[in-house]
Amino acid sequence: MPLPITPFANESDSLQIDDLTIENRTDRVSLYGSIALTKDQAGLEHARALKAVVDAVVAALEHEEHLPDAVATKPPDQVPNPFS
């Protein structure tokens, strides 16, 4: 099964497995939401798709020559509440 994203390749690819969203970025791959790995054919397909994504992320990280200890993240901007 070809993976619909190439980890860390761009800032635009995204895919959905059940209610789990996977977003591609150049410095991270974000996973959020939920996924039910049920004991049936659908659960098997979800598990295989999730495994393919994680395997691709691990492979991409293993091929990097110099990984930093941590990626710097910018805290979200604070904006005034327009409803108060």
Protein backbone atom coordinates (compact mmCIF):
# COMPACT_ATOMS: atom_id res chain seq x y z
CA MET A 1 0.00 0.00 0.00
CA PRO A 2 1.62 3.31 -1.05
CA LEU A 3 1.72 5.90 1.71
CA PRO A 4 -0.21 9.06 0.79
CA ILE A 5 2.37 11.27 2.52
CA THR A 6 6.15 11.50 2.59
CA PRO A 7 7.07 12.41 6.17
CA PHE A 8 8.71 15.82 6.62
CA ALA A 9 8.46 16.59 2.87
CA ASN A 10 6.09 19.56 2.94
CA GLU A 11 3.64 21.64 4.96
CA SER A 12 0.47 20.54 3.19
CA ASP A 13 -0.12 16.78 3.18
CA SER A 14 -2.71 15.38 5.53
CA LEU A 15 -4.54 12.09 5.84
CA GLN A 16 -7.29 10.60 7.95
CA ILE A 17 -7.50 7.10 9.45
CA ASP A 18 -10.80 6.64 11.27
CA ASP A 19 -10.98 9.80 13.43
CA LEU A 20 -7.19 10.16 13.59
CA THR A 21 -5.71 13.02 11.57
CA ILE A 22 -2.08 12.95 10.46
CA GLU A 23 -0.59 16.24 9.29
CA ASN A 24 2.74 16.54 7.54
CA ARG A 25 5.16 19.36 8.31
CA THR A 26 8.80 19.86 7.45
CA ASP A 27 9.85 19.59 11.11
CA ARG A 28 7.20 17.23 12.52
CA VAL A 29 4.38 14.84 11.73
CA SER A 30 1.40 15.54 13.97
CA LEU A 31 -1.19 12.93 14.93
CA TYR A 32 -4.35 13.93 16.72
CA GLY A 33 -7.85 12.61 17.20
CA SER A 34 -8.76 9.03 17.94
CA ILE A 35 -8.69 5.68 16.23
CA ALA A 36 -10.47 2.45 17.09
CA LEU A 37 -8.46 -0.63 16.23
CA THR A 38 -11.37 -3.03 16.36
CA LYS A 39 -11.02 -6.78 16.12
CA ASP A 40 -12.37 -7.02 12.57
CA GLN A 41 -11.36 -6.30 8.96
CA ALA A 42 -11.81 -2.54 9.40
CA GLY A 43 -9.59 -2.60 12.49
CA LEU A 44 -6.95 -4.55 10.61
CA GLU A 45 -6.97 -2.01 7.78
CA HIS A 46 -6.74 0.90 10.23
CA ALA A 47 -3.85 -0.80 12.05
CA ARG A 48 -1.98 -1.43 8.78
CA ALA A 49 -2.47 2.17 7.65
CA LEU A 50 -1.27 3.53 11.00
CA LYS A 51 1.72 1.17 10.99
CA ALA A 52 2.66 2.31 7.48
CA VAL A 53 2.68 5.94 8.60
CA VAL A 54 4.73 5.25 11.73
CA ASP A 55 7.16 3.02 9.81
CA ALA A 56 7.67 5.79 7.23
CA VAL A 57 8.30 8.38 9.96
CA VAL A 58 10.84 6.10 11.68
CA ALA A 59 12.60 5.40 8.37
CA ALA A 60 12.79 9.10 7.53
CA LEU A 61 14.23 9.91 10.96
CA GLU A 62 16.75 7.06 10.75
CA HIS A 63 18.03 8.40 7.41
CA GLU A 64 18.80 11.85 8.84
CA GLU A 65 22.49 12.40 9.49
CA HIS A 66 22.13 15.01 12.23
CA LEU A 67 19.00 15.07 14.31
CA PRO A 68 18.76 17.85 16.91
CA ASP A 69 17.97 16.92 20.50
CA ALA A 70 14.65 18.75 20.15
CA VAL A 71 12.81 20.89 17.62
CA ALA A 72 12.05 24.39 18.84
CA THR A 73 8.37 25.17 18.96
CA LYS A 74 6.82 28.59 19.04
CA PRO A 75 4.13 29.05 21.69
CA PRO A 76 0.76 30.08 20.28
CA ASP A 77 0.06 33.80 20.06
CA GLN A 78 -2.19 35.18 22.79
CA VAL A 79 -5.02 37.30 21.43
CA PRO A 80 -7.68 39.17 23.34
CA ASN A 81 -11.00 37.37 23.68
CA PRO A 82 -13.41 39.20 21.33
CA PHE A 83 -16.41 37.88 23.30
CA SER A 84 -15.54 39.28 26.72
